[in-house]
Amino acid sequence: MKIVIPDDYQDGVRSLECFSRLSGHEVTIYNDTVRDFDQLEERFRDAEALVLIRERTPITDALLERLPRLRLISQTGKGIAHVDLDACTRRGIAVATGTGAPFAAAELTWGLVLSAMRHIPDEVAAMKAGRWQTRVGTGLRGRTLGIFGYGKIGSLVAEYGRVFGMRVLVWGREGSLERATAAGFDTADSQDDLFERSDVLSLHLTLNPGTRGIVTAAHLGAMKPSALLVNTSRAELIVPGALVDALKAGRPGMAALDVYEDEPVRDHPLLHLNNALCTPHVGFVERDGYELYFGAAFDNLLAFAEGSPRNLANPEVAGQS
């Protein structure tokens, strides 16, 4: 098959052990993201299969119309909100979903917590500039860690907080609250209560119509001026512009972020704030995780090529192509 893999920023896919599974197929890899339809058509026009790296390139009906040879989209991970599934189904294009693990994202979340609270990036930069001990950090022990969404990642971050001696407070849907209580964690009385009481508040919600904009300016304004907000989930959970305004107003006092509305980011108001620590959506960018994500996507592709499609989000197209 002719396979195209877009958006491999680090050119890391070729270095994975699982990449050898595609031996015998014609694979083209692009290391940047483009949005222009003409450029996307040029890159994808001969592809029989696309292997998508998370949600970096939206696959719309208008784009699919220009790709008559496309037979399969194999997604790294389970999320396919960026793929027009109905349009794929109408056109007989199979969409296979993969798997993943929560560990890399949870570890990155905790790295951001420690880095922000102890001002590690600032101190590293200051020392390189010839200055010594420029800020006083804040410890975690005895402080309250708020977890908004107690799923696979949120539950891991909650356990990290417990190990560090923090008081863990959880809010989310009924299932989240039940699981958190069973694990021995306290639950908040409401979303407002969670935001008001947390010293560190970490968002771990799936983005969907019910959670888009669930964090408002009022929620942020109710946070402590000493508090840290961490978002390694999706930027759209927060009302557009609300976090920038809140940080400028000093509530919360800091934010640590790995996700943005429009990626890759070339410039963003958050990058110009001294109380925002920003990383370029690297929560899942870790070798073991990549082997898992891409290994599953490649296996789904090979099964399709052999006439035995599996893990299809639209199984009704099986056998049509």
C-alpha atoms as a PDB file:
ATOM      1  CA  MET A   1       0.000   0.000   0.000  1.00  0.00           C
ATOM      2  CA  LYS A   2       0.970   3.622  -0.449  1.00  0.00           C
ATOM      3  CA  ILE A   3       1.025   5.048   3.081  1.00  0.00           C
ATOM      4  CA  VAL A   4       1.404   8.667   4.157  1.00  0.00           C
ATOM      5  CA  ILE A   5       2.251   9.691   7.728  1.00  0.00           C
ATOM      6  CA  PRO A   6       1.911  13.467   8.282  1.00  0.00           C
ATOM      7  CA  ASP A   7       2.953  15.694  11.176  1.00  0.00           C
ATOM      8  CA  ASP A   8       5.950  13.702  12.463  1.00  0.00           C
ATOM      9  CA  TYR A   9       7.597  16.786  13.952  1.00  0.00           C
ATOM     10  CA  GLN A  10      10.667  15.062  15.397  1.00  0.00           C
ATOM     11  CA  ASP A  11      11.083  12.629  12.477  1.00  0.00           C
ATOM     12  CA  GLY A  12      10.775  10.016  15.184  1.00  0.00           C
ATOM     13  CA  VAL A  13       8.573   7.404  13.520  1.00  0.00           C
ATOM     14  CA  ARG A  14      11.418   5.968  11.428  1.00  0.00           C
ATOM     15  CA  SER A  15      13.413   5.298  14.604  1.00  0.00           C
ATOM     16  CA  LEU A  16      10.693   3.177  16.233  1.00  0.00           C
ATOM     17  CA  GLU A  17      11.101  -0.588  16.351  1.00  0.00           C
ATOM     18  CA  CYS A  18       7.521  -1.024  15.146  1.00  0.00           C
ATOM     19  CA  PHE A  19       8.255   0.937  11.946  1.00  0.00           C
ATOM     20  CA  SER A  20       9.873  -2.185  10.484  1.00  0.00           C
ATOM     21  CA  ARG A  21       6.390  -3.744  10.313  1.00  0.00           C
ATOM     22  CA  LEU A  22       5.683  -1.530   7.303  1.00  0.00           C
ATOM     23  CA  SER A  23       8.538  -3.078   5.328  1.00  0.00           C
ATOM     24  CA  GLY A  24       7.341  -3.822   1.814  1.00  0.00           C
ATOM     25  CA  HIS A  25       4.937  -0.898   1.743  1.00  0.00           C
ATOM     26  CA  GLU A  26       5.624   2.517   0.209  1.00  0.00           C
ATOM     27  CA  VAL A  27       5.763   4.984   3.114  1.00  0.00           C
ATOM     28  CA  THR A  28       6.044   8.773   2.856  1.00  0.00           C
ATOM     29  CA  ILE A  29       6.547  10.822   6.027  1.00  0.00           C
ATOM     30  CA  TYR A  30       6.112  14.578   6.446  1.00  0.00           C
ATOM     31  CA  ASN A  31       7.656  16.438   9.369  1.00  0.00           C
ATOM     32  CA  ASP A  32       5.458  19.513   9.433  1.00  0.00           C
ATOM     33  CA  THR A  33       1.785  20.456   9.574  1.00  0.00           C
ATOM     34  CA  VAL A  34       0.055  22.201   6.696  1.00  0.00           C
ATOM     35  CA  ARG A  35      -3.525  23.463   6.573  1.00  0.00           C
ATOM     36  CA  ASP A  36      -3.886  24.557   2.948  1.00  0.00           C
ATOM     37  CA  PHE A  37      -6.134  22.156   1.021  1.00  0.00           C
ATOM     38  CA  ASP A  38      -3.988  22.317  -2.089  1.00  0.00           C
ATOM     39  CA  GLN A  39      -0.896  21.337  -0.119  1.00  0.00           C
ATOM     40  CA  LEU A  40      -2.746  18.562   1.679  1.00  0.00           C
ATOM     41  CA  GLU A  41      -4.100  17.259  -1.624  1.00  0.00           C
ATOM     42  CA  GLU A  42      -0.593  17.300  -3.086  1.00  0.00           C
ATOM     43  CA  ARG A  43       0.743  15.292  -0.138  1.00  0.00           C
ATOM     44  CA  PHE A  44      -2.152  12.852   0.196  1.00  0.00           C
ATOM     45  CA  ARG A  45      -3.422  12.411  -3.376  1.00  0.00           C
ATOM     46  CA  ASP A  46      -1.687   9.055  -3.999  1.00  0.00           C
ATOM     47  CA  ALA A  47      -2.208   7.688  -0.502  1.00  0.00           C
ATOM     48  CA  GLU A  48      -4.191   4.513  -0.042  1.00  0.00           C
ATOM     49  CA  ALA A  49      -3.753   4.813   3.722  1.00  0.00           C
ATOM     50  CA  LEU A  50      -3.096   7.634   6.150  1.00  0.00           C
ATOM     51  CA  VAL A  51      -1.567   7.052   9.567  1.00  0.00           C
ATOM     52  CA  LEU A  52      -2.558  10.079  11.615  1.00  0.00           C
ATOM     53  CA  ILE A  53      -0.576  11.272  14.635  1.00  0.00           C
ATOM     54  CA  ARG A  54      -3.265  12.173  17.125  1.00  0.00           C
ATOM     55  CA  GLU A  55      -5.406  15.169  16.077  1.00  0.00           C
ATOM     56  CA  ARG A  56      -2.760  17.190  14.284  1.00  0.00           C
ATOM     57  CA  THR A  57      -4.439  17.231  10.855  1.00  0.00           C
ATOM     58  CA  PRO A  58      -8.244  17.476  10.558  1.00  0.00           C
ATOM     59  CA  ILE A  59      -9.732  15.191   7.912  1.00  0.00           C
ATOM     60  CA  THR A  60     -12.790  16.940   6.497  1.00  0.00           C
ATOM     61  CA  ASP A  61     -15.330  16.013   3.855  1.00  0.00           C
ATOM     62  CA  ALA A  62     -13.903  18.700   1.565  1.00  0.00           C
ATOM     63  CA  LEU A  63     -10.442  17.183   1.835  1.00  0.00           C
ATOM     64  CA  LEU A  64     -11.692  13.626   1.353  1.00  0.00           C
ATOM     65  CA  GLU A  65     -13.381  14.691  -1.871  1.00  0.00           C
ATOM     66  CA  ARG A  66      -9.910  15.316  -3.275  1.00  0.00           C
ATOM     67  CA  LEU A  67      -8.533  11.927  -2.228  1.00  0.00           C
ATOM     68  CA  PRO A  68     -10.246   9.294  -4.405  1.00  0.00           C
ATOM     69  CA  ARG A  69      -7.556   6.644  -3.783  1.00  0.00           C
ATOM     70  CA  LEU A  70      -7.794   6.748   0.006  1.00  0.00           C
ATOM     71  CA  ARG A  71      -9.081   3.484   1.489  1.00  0.00           C
ATOM     72  CA  LEU A  72      -8.004   3.608   5.140  1.00  0.00           C
ATOM     73  CA  ILE A  73      -7.287   6.048   7.939  1.00  0.00           C
ATOM     74  CA  SER A  74      -5.379   4.388  10.777  1.00  0.00           C
ATOM     75  CA  GLN A  75      -5.448   6.569  13.862  1.00  0.00           C
ATOM     76  CA  THR A  76      -2.823   6.609  16.606  1.00  0.00           C
ATOM     77  CA  GLY A  77      -4.914   6.490  19.761  1.00  0.00           C
ATOM     78  CA  LYS A  78      -8.672   6.204  20.071  1.00  0.00           C
ATOM     79  CA  GLY A  79      -9.725   9.823  19.550  1.00  0.00           C
ATOM     80  CA  ILE A  80     -11.152  10.617  16.103  1.00  0.00           C
ATOM     81  CA  ALA A  81     -12.988  13.884  16.719  1.00  0.00           C
ATOM     82  CA  HIS A  82     -10.785  15.449  14.018  1.00  0.00           C
ATOM     83  CA  VAL A  83     -11.999  12.936  11.401  1.00  0.00           C
ATOM     84  CA  ASP A  84     -15.338  13.368   9.627  1.00  0.00           C
ATOM     85  CA  LEU A  85     -16.445   9.796  10.221  1.00  0.00           C
ATOM     86  CA  ASP A  86     -19.751  10.165   8.367  1.00  0.00           C
ATOM     87  CA  ALA A  87     -17.948  11.466   5.295  1.00  0.00           C
ATOM     88  CA  CYS A  88     -15.468   8.585   5.469  1.00  0.00           C
ATOM     89  CA  THR A  89     -18.302   6.079   5.709  1.00  0.00           C
ATOM     90  CA  ARG A  90     -20.163   7.592   2.744  1.00  0.00           C
ATOM     91  CA  ARG A  91     -17.013   7.321   0.685  1.00  0.00           C
ATOM     92  CA  GLY A  92     -16.194   3.781   1.804  1.00  0.00           C
ATOM     93  CA  ILE A  93     -13.062   4.824   3.683  1.00  0.00           C
ATOM     94  CA  ALA A  94     -12.364   2.661   6.725  1.00  0.00           C
ATOM     95  CA  VAL A  95     -11.283   4.392   9.945  1.00  0.00           C
ATOM     96  CA  ALA A  96      -9.325   2.214  12.370  1.00  0.00           C
ATOM     97  CA  THR A  97      -8.740   3.368  15.929  1.00  0.00           C
ATOM     98  CA  GLY A  98      -5.792   2.380  18.063  1.00  0.00           C
ATOM     99  CA  THR A  99      -4.833   2.306  21.673  1.00  0.00           C
ATOM    100  CA  GLY A 100      -2.661   4.208  24.092  1.00  0.00           C
ATOM    101  CA  ALA A 101      -1.569   4.493  27.693  1.00  0.00           C
ATOM    102  CA  PRO A 102      -2.025   7.222  30.315  1.00  0.00           C
ATOM    103  CA  PHE A 103       1.456   7.102  31.813  1.00  0.00           C
ATOM    104  CA  ALA A 104       3.350   9.538  29.591  1.00  0.00           C
ATOM    105  CA  ALA A 105       0.693  12.244  29.901  1.00  0.00           C
ATOM    106  CA  ALA A 106       0.427  11.780  33.671  1.00  0.00           C
ATOM    107  CA  GLU A 107       4.197  12.000  34.074  1.00  0.00           C
ATOM    108  CA  LEU A 108       4.365  15.171  31.992  1.00  0.00           C
ATOM    109  CA  THR A 109       1.565  16.642  34.093  1.00  0.00           C
ATOM    110  CA  TRP A 110       3.522  16.016  37.265  1.00  0.00           C
ATOM    111  CA  GLY A 111       6.676  17.399  35.685  1.00  0.00           C
ATOM    112  CA  LEU A 112       4.809  20.625  34.967  1.00  0.00           C
ATOM    113  CA  VAL A 113       3.509  20.776  38.551  1.00  0.00           C
ATOM    114  CA  LEU A 114       7.013  20.482  40.011  1.00  0.00           C
ATOM    115  CA  SER A 115       8.549  22.807  37.430  1.00  0.00           C
ATOM    116  CA  ALA A 116       5.989  25.551  37.992  1.00  0.00           C
ATOM    117  CA  MET A 117       5.767  25.375  41.773  1.00  0.00           C
ATOM    118  CA  ARG A 118       9.552  25.347  42.214  1.00  0.00           C
ATOM    119  CA  HIS A 119      10.233  27.709  39.273  1.00  0.00           C
ATOM    120  CA  ILE A 120      12.699  25.233  37.805  1.00  0.00           C
ATOM    121  CA  PRO A 121      12.820  26.623  34.224  1.00  0.00           C
ATOM    122  CA  ASP A 122      13.326  30.179  35.550  1.00  0.00           C
ATOM    123  CA  GLU A 123      16.117  29.098  37.874  1.00  0.00           C
ATOM    124  CA  VAL A 124      17.867  27.151  35.110  1.00  0.00           C
ATOM    125  CA  ALA A 125      17.699  30.169  32.805  1.00  0.00           C
ATOM    126  CA  ALA A 126      18.889  32.508  35.562  1.00  0.00           C
ATOM    127  CA  MET A 127      21.860  30.322  36.409  1.00  0.00           C
ATOM    128  CA  LYS A 128      22.892  30.146  32.756  1.00  0.00           C
ATOM    129  CA  ALA A 129      22.740  33.951  32.741  1.00  0.00           C
ATOM    130  CA  GLY A 130      25.076  34.137  35.748  1.00  0.00           C
ATOM    131  CA  ARG A 131      22.488  34.674  38.503  1.00  0.00           C
ATOM    132  CA  TRP A 132      22.121  32.518  41.620  1.00  0.00           C
ATOM    133  CA  GLN A 133      18.844  31.699  43.424  1.00  0.00           C
ATOM    134  CA  THR A 134      16.407  34.290  42.128  1.00  0.00           C
ATOM    135  CA  ARG A 135      13.043  33.018  43.432  1.00  0.00           C
ATOM    136  CA  VAL A 136      11.484  31.214  46.388  1.00  0.00           C
ATOM    137  CA  GLY A 137       9.502  28.149  45.370  1.00  0.00           C
ATOM    138  CA  THR A 138       6.434  26.526  46.914  1.00  0.00           C
ATOM    139  CA  GLY A 139       6.367  22.967  48.214  1.00  0.00           C
ATOM    140  CA  LEU A 140       3.594  20.454  47.616  1.00  0.00           C
ATOM    141  CA  ARG A 141       3.357  18.559  50.886  1.00  0.00           C
ATOM    142  CA  GLY A 142       0.235  19.459  52.847  1.00  0.00           C
ATOM    143  CA  ARG A 143      -1.316  21.460  50.016  1.00  0.00           C
ATOM    144  CA  THR A 144      -4.484  20.587  48.110  1.00  0.00           C
ATOM    145  CA  LEU A 145      -4.329  18.975  44.684  1.00  0.00           C
ATOM    146  CA  GLY A 146      -7.549  19.346  42.725  1.00  0.00           C
ATOM    147  CA  ILE A 147      -8.321  16.747  40.064  1.00  0.00           C
ATOM    148  CA  PHE A 148     -11.050  17.691  37.593  1.00  0.00           C
ATOM    149  CA  GLY A 149     -11.912  14.393  35.875  1.00  0.00           C
ATOM    150  CA  TYR A 150     -10.904  11.141  37.535  1.00  0.00           C
ATOM    151  CA  GLY A 151     -10.194   8.971  34.490  1.00  0.00           C
ATOM    152  CA  LYS A 152      -7.086   7.017  33.543  1.00  0.00           C
ATOM    153  CA  ILE A 153      -4.771  10.035  33.608  1.00  0.00           C
ATOM    154  CA  GLY A 154      -6.475  11.931  36.413  1.00  0.00           C
ATOM    155  CA  SER A 155      -6.349   8.905  38.697  1.00  0.00           C
ATOM    156  CA  LEU A 156      -2.603   8.512  38.141  1.00  0.00           C
ATOM    157  CA  VAL A 157      -1.967  12.190  38.883  1.00  0.00           C
ATOM    158  CA  ALA A 158      -4.059  11.852  42.044  1.00  0.00           C
ATOM    159  CA  GLU A 159      -1.841   8.972  43.182  1.00  0.00           C
ATOM    160  CA  TYR A 160       1.279  11.053  42.501  1.00  0.00           C
ATOM    161  CA  GLY A 161      -0.194  13.779  44.692  1.00  0.00           C
ATOM    162  CA  ARG A 162      -0.843  11.306  47.489  1.00  0.00           C
ATOM    163  CA  VAL A 163       2.750  10.072  47.354  1.00  0.00           C
ATOM    164  CA  PHE A 164       3.934  13.688  47.641  1.00  0.00           C
ATOM    165  CA  GLY A 165       1.836  14.178  50.764  1.00  0.00           C
ATOM    166  CA  MET A 166      -0.832  16.360  49.197  1.00  0.00           C
ATOM    167  CA  ARG A 167      -4.520  16.440  50.102  1.00  0.00           C
ATOM    168  CA  VAL A 168      -6.294  15.244  46.967  1.00  0.00           C
ATOM    169  CA  LEU A 169      -9.715  16.653  46.080  1.00  0.00           C
ATOM    170  CA  VAL A 170     -11.669  15.280  43.089  1.00  0.00           C
ATOM    171  CA  TRP A 171     -14.582  16.584  41.053  1.00  0.00           C
ATOM    172  CA  GLY A 172     -16.187  15.162  37.935  1.00  0.00           C
ATOM    173  CA  ARG A 173     -19.112  13.077  36.803  1.00  0.00           C
ATOM    174  CA  GLU A 174     -20.813  10.625  39.131  1.00  0.00           C
ATOM    175  CA  GLY A 175     -18.598   7.742  38.021  1.00  0.00           C
ATOM    176  CA  SER A 176     -15.467   9.771  38.707  1.00  0.00           C
ATOM    177  CA  LEU A 177     -16.652  10.650  42.184  1.00  0.00           C
ATOM    178  CA  GLU A 178     -17.503   7.038  42.978  1.00  0.00           C
ATOM    179  CA  ARG A 179     -14.115   5.752  41.802  1.00  0.00           C
ATOM    180  CA  ALA A 180     -12.262   8.511  43.647  1.00  0.00           C
ATOM    181  CA  THR A 181     -14.112   7.761  46.874  1.00  0.00           C
ATOM    182  CA  ALA A 182     -13.359   4.054  46.514  1.00  0.00           C
ATOM    183  CA  ALA A 183      -9.673   4.931  46.132  1.00  0.00           C
ATOM    184  CA  GLY A 184      -9.742   6.915  49.366  1.00  0.00           C
ATOM    185  CA  PHE A 185      -9.769  10.434  47.954  1.00  0.00           C
ATOM    186  CA  ASP A 186     -11.969  13.308  49.073  1.00  0.00           C
ATOM    187  CA  THR A 187     -14.494  14.762  46.642  1.00  0.00           C
ATOM    188  CA  ALA A 188     -15.487  18.378  46.245  1.00  0.00           C
ATOM    189  CA  ASP A 189     -19.014  19.627  46.809  1.00  0.00           C
ATOM    190  CA  SER A 190     -19.116  21.209  43.348  1.00  0.00           C
ATOM    191  CA  GLN A 191     -16.929  22.485  40.531  1.00  0.00           C
ATOM    192  CA  ASP A 192     -16.901  25.880  42.235  1.00  0.00           C
ATOM    193  CA  ASP A 193     -15.713  24.259  45.470  1.00  0.00           C
ATOM    194  CA  LEU A 194     -12.891  22.476  43.624  1.00  0.00           C
ATOM    195  CA  PHE A 195     -11.596  25.687  42.056  1.00  0.00           C
ATOM    196  CA  GLU A 196     -11.823  27.663  45.282  1.00  0.00           C
ATOM    197  CA  ARG A 197      -9.986  25.134  47.466  1.00  0.00           C
ATOM    198  CA  SER A 198      -7.218  23.843  45.185  1.00  0.00           C
ATOM    199  CA  ASP A 199      -3.602  24.952  45.498  1.00  0.00           C
ATOM    200  CA  VAL A 200      -2.806  22.961  42.359  1.00  0.00           C
ATOM    201  CA  LEU A 201      -5.681  22.182  39.987  1.00  0.00           C
ATOM    202  CA  SER A 202      -5.181  19.750  37.103  1.00  0.00           C
ATOM    203  CA  LEU A 203      -7.697  19.275  34.271  1.00  0.00           C
ATOM    204  CA  HIS A 204      -8.265  15.734  33.019  1.00  0.00           C
ATOM    205  CA  LEU A 205     -11.474  15.839  31.014  1.00  0.00           C
ATOM    206  CA  THR A 206     -12.233  14.501  27.552  1.00  0.00           C
ATOM    207  CA  LEU A 207     -13.228  17.263  25.167  1.00  0.00           C
ATOM    208  CA  ASN A 208     -16.813  16.898  23.944  1.00  0.00           C
ATOM    209  CA  PRO A 209     -19.805  19.220  23.522  1.00  0.00           C
ATOM    210  CA  GLY A 210     -20.574  18.921  27.226  1.00  0.00           C
ATOM    211  CA  THR A 211     -17.079  19.860  28.414  1.00  0.00           C
ATOM    212  CA  ARG A 212     -16.136  22.510  25.848  1.00  0.00           C
ATOM    213  CA  GLY A 213     -15.808  25.782  27.784  1.00  0.00           C
ATOM    214  CA  ILE A 214     -16.606  24.072  31.090  1.00  0.00           C
ATOM    215  CA  VAL A 215     -13.968  26.222  32.817  1.00  0.00           C
ATOM    216  CA  THR A 216     -15.178  29.827  32.807  1.00  0.00           C
ATOM    217  CA  ALA A 217     -13.720  33.167  33.804  1.00  0.00           C
ATOM    218  CA  ALA A 218     -15.716  32.949  37.030  1.00  0.00           C
ATOM    219  CA  HIS A 219     -14.133  29.606  37.933  1.00  0.00           C
ATOM    220  CA  LEU A 220     -10.640  30.932  37.291  1.00  0.00           C
ATOM    221  CA  GLY A 221     -11.338  34.144  39.182  1.00  0.00           C
ATOM    222  CA  ALA A 222     -12.353  32.127  42.233  1.00  0.00           C
ATOM    223  CA  MET A 223      -8.943  30.430  42.456  1.00  0.00           C
ATOM    224  CA  LYS A 224      -6.321  31.465  45.003  1.00  0.00           C
ATOM    225  CA  PRO A 225      -3.722  34.023  43.877  1.00  0.00           C
ATOM    226  CA  SER A 226      -1.092  31.459  44.919  1.00  0.00           C
ATOM    227  CA  ALA A 227      -2.728  28.588  42.974  1.00  0.00           C
ATOM    228  CA  LEU A 228      -1.470  26.773  39.886  1.00  0.00           C
ATOM    229  CA  LEU A 229      -3.757  25.620  37.059  1.00  0.00           C
ATOM    230  CA  VAL A 230      -2.419  22.741  34.943  1.00  0.00           C
ATOM    231  CA  ASN A 231      -3.928  21.736  31.601  1.00  0.00           C
ATOM    232  CA  THR A 232      -2.506  18.784  29.696  1.00  0.00           C
ATOM    233  CA  SER A 233      -5.914  17.712  28.331  1.00  0.00           C
ATOM    234  CA  ARG A 234      -7.405  20.138  25.802  1.00  0.00           C
ATOM    235  CA  ALA A 235      -7.276  23.919  25.586  1.00  0.00           C
ATOM    236  CA  GLU A 236     -10.925  24.120  24.573  1.00  0.00           C
ATOM    237  CA  LEU A 237     -12.003  23.014  28.049  1.00  0.00           C
ATOM    238  CA  ILE A 238     -11.416  26.654  29.016  1.00  0.00           C
ATOM    239  CA  VAL A 239     -13.492  29.505  27.591  1.00  0.00           C
ATOM    240  CA  PRO A 240     -11.377  31.213  24.892  1.00  0.00           C
ATOM    241  CA  GLY A 241      -9.286  34.071  26.276  1.00  0.00           C
ATOM    242  CA  ALA A 242     -10.379  33.474  29.869  1.00  0.00           C
ATOM    243  CA  LEU A 243      -7.079  32.036  31.070  1.00  0.00           C
ATOM    244  CA  VAL A 244      -4.956  34.865  29.675  1.00  0.00           C
ATOM    245  CA  ASP A 245      -7.208  37.424  31.346  1.00  0.00           C
ATOM    246  CA  ALA A 246      -7.217  35.477  34.616  1.00  0.00           C
ATOM    247  CA  LEU A 247      -3.432  35.200  34.737  1.00  0.00           C
ATOM    248  CA  LYS A 248      -3.093  38.915  34.076  1.00  0.00           C
ATOM    249  CA  ALA A 249      -5.511  39.547  36.954  1.00  0.00           C
ATOM    250  CA  GLY A 250      -3.549  37.225  39.248  1.00  0.00           C
ATOM    251  CA  ARG A 251      -6.134  34.498  39.869  1.00  0.00           C
ATOM    252  CA  PRO A 252      -4.804  31.877  39.535  1.00  0.00           C
ATOM    253  CA  GLY A 253      -1.269  32.997  40.156  1.00  0.00           C
ATOM    254  CA  MET A 254       0.267  30.536  37.680  1.00  0.00           C
ATOM    255  CA  ALA A 255      -0.629  28.182  34.864  1.00  0.00           C
ATOM    256  CA  ALA A 256       1.253  25.291  33.277  1.00  0.00           C
ATOM    257  CA  LEU A 257      -0.011  24.233  29.858  1.00  0.00           C
ATOM    258  CA  ASP A 258       0.712  21.647  27.191  1.00  0.00           C
ATOM    259  CA  VAL A 259      -2.298  22.234  24.914  1.00  0.00           C
ATOM    260  CA  TYR A 260      -3.554  25.095  22.745  1.00  0.00           C
ATOM    261  CA  GLU A 261      -6.546  25.836  20.529  1.00  0.00           C
ATOM    262  CA  ASP A 262      -4.512  26.005  17.314  1.00  0.00           C
ATOM    263  CA  GLU A 263      -1.419  23.829  17.028  1.00  0.00           C
ATOM    264  CA  PRO A 264       1.444  23.942  16.253  1.00  0.00           C
ATOM    265  CA  VAL A 265       1.837  27.265  18.047  1.00  0.00           C
ATOM    266  CA  ARG A 266       3.991  29.932  16.413  1.00  0.00           C
ATOM    267  CA  ASP A 267       2.974  32.666  18.840  1.00  0.00           C
ATOM    268  CA  HIS A 268       0.413  32.850  21.625  1.00  0.00           C
ATOM    269  CA  PRO A 269      -0.478  35.428  24.303  1.00  0.00           C
ATOM    270  CA  LEU A 270       0.403  32.868  27.001  1.00  0.00           C
ATOM    271  CA  LEU A 271       4.010  32.790  25.792  1.00  0.00           C
ATOM    272  CA  HIS A 272       4.335  36.437  26.790  1.00  0.00           C
ATOM    273  CA  LEU A 273       3.216  35.957  30.395  1.00  0.00           C
ATOM    274  CA  ASN A 274       5.788  35.384  33.120  1.00  0.00           C
ATOM    275  CA  ASN A 275       3.323  33.330  35.155  1.00  0.00           C
ATOM    276  CA  ALA A 276       2.608  30.811  32.371  1.00  0.00           C
ATOM    277  CA  LEU A 277       4.787  27.759  31.800  1.00  0.00           C
ATOM    278  CA  CYS A 278       4.175  26.409  28.296  1.00  0.00           C
ATOM    279  CA  THR A 279       5.293  23.185  26.616  1.00  0.00           C
ATOM    280  CA  PRO A 280       4.535  22.211  22.970  1.00  0.00           C
ATOM    281  CA  HIS A 281       1.968  19.410  23.473  1.00  0.00           C
ATOM    282  CA  VAL A 282       4.535  16.785  24.438  1.00  0.00           C
ATOM    283  CA  GLY A 283       2.353  14.927  26.937  1.00  0.00           C
ATOM    284  CA  PHE A 284       2.273  11.777  24.810  1.00  0.00           C
ATOM    285  CA  VAL A 285       5.608  12.331  23.036  1.00  0.00           C
ATOM    286  CA  GLU A 286       7.626   9.605  24.734  1.00  0.00           C
ATOM    287  CA  ARG A 287       9.295   6.569  23.169  1.00  0.00           C
ATOM    288  CA  ASP A 288       7.465   3.771  24.974  1.00  0.00           C
ATOM    289  CA  GLY A 289       4.162   5.482  24.306  1.00  0.00           C
ATOM    290  CA  TYR A 290       5.054   6.025  20.656  1.00  0.00           C
ATOM    291  CA  GLU A 291       5.851   2.328  20.241  1.00  0.00           C
ATOM    292  CA  LEU A 292       2.452   1.491  21.694  1.00  0.00           C
ATOM    293  CA  TYR A 293       0.473   4.074  19.705  1.00  0.00           C
ATOM    294  CA  PHE A 294       2.176   3.477  16.363  1.00  0.00           C
ATOM    295  CA  GLY A 295       2.484  -0.268  16.845  1.00  0.00           C
ATOM    296  CA  ALA A 296      -1.293  -0.521  17.209  1.00  0.00           C
ATOM    297  CA  ALA A 297      -1.899   1.795  14.237  1.00  0.00           C
ATOM    298  CA  PHE A 298       0.481  -0.195  12.033  1.00  0.00           C
ATOM    299  CA  ASP A 299      -1.066  -3.511  13.091  1.00  0.00           C
ATOM    300  CA  ASN A 300      -4.514  -2.184  12.187  1.00  0.00           C
ATOM    301  CA  LEU A 301      -3.168  -1.073   8.811  1.00  0.00           C
ATOM    302  CA  LEU A 302      -1.581  -4.444   8.095  1.00  0.00           C
ATOM    303  CA  ALA A 303      -4.764  -6.286   9.063  1.00  0.00           C
ATOM    304  CA  PHE A 304      -6.689  -4.102   6.626  1.00  0.00           C
ATOM    305  CA  ALA A 305      -4.146  -4.708   3.850  1.00  0.00           C
ATOM    306  CA  GLU A 306      -4.483  -8.454   4.413  1.00  0.00           C
ATOM    307  CA  GLY A 307      -8.249  -8.284   4.049  1.00  0.00           C
ATOM    308  CA  SER A 308      -9.084  -8.674   7.731  1.00  0.00           C
ATOM    309  CA  PRO A 309      -9.897  -5.149   8.938  1.00  0.00           C
ATOM    310  CA  ARG A 310     -10.225  -4.699  12.688  1.00  0.00           C
ATOM    311  CA  ASN A 311     -10.878  -1.986  15.274  1.00  0.00           C
ATOM    312  CA  LEU A 312     -12.958  -0.017  12.779  1.00  0.00           C
ATOM    313  CA  ALA A 313     -14.985   2.946  13.977  1.00  0.00           C
ATOM    314  CA  ASN A 314     -17.183   2.384  10.890  1.00  0.00           C
ATOM    315  CA  PRO A 315     -17.295  -1.411  10.458  1.00  0.00           C
ATOM    316  CA  GLU A 316     -20.086  -1.070   7.890  1.00  0.00           C
ATOM    317  CA  VAL A 317     -17.473  -0.176   5.240  1.00  0.00           C
ATOM    318  CA  ALA A 318     -15.599  -3.472   5.651  1.00  0.00           C
ATOM    319  CA  GLY A 319     -15.507  -5.312   2.358  1.00  0.00           C
ATOM    320  CA  GLN A 320     -16.496  -2.301   0.266  1.00  0.00           C
ATOM    321  CA  SER A 321     -12.997  -1.467  -0.964  1.00  0.00           C
END
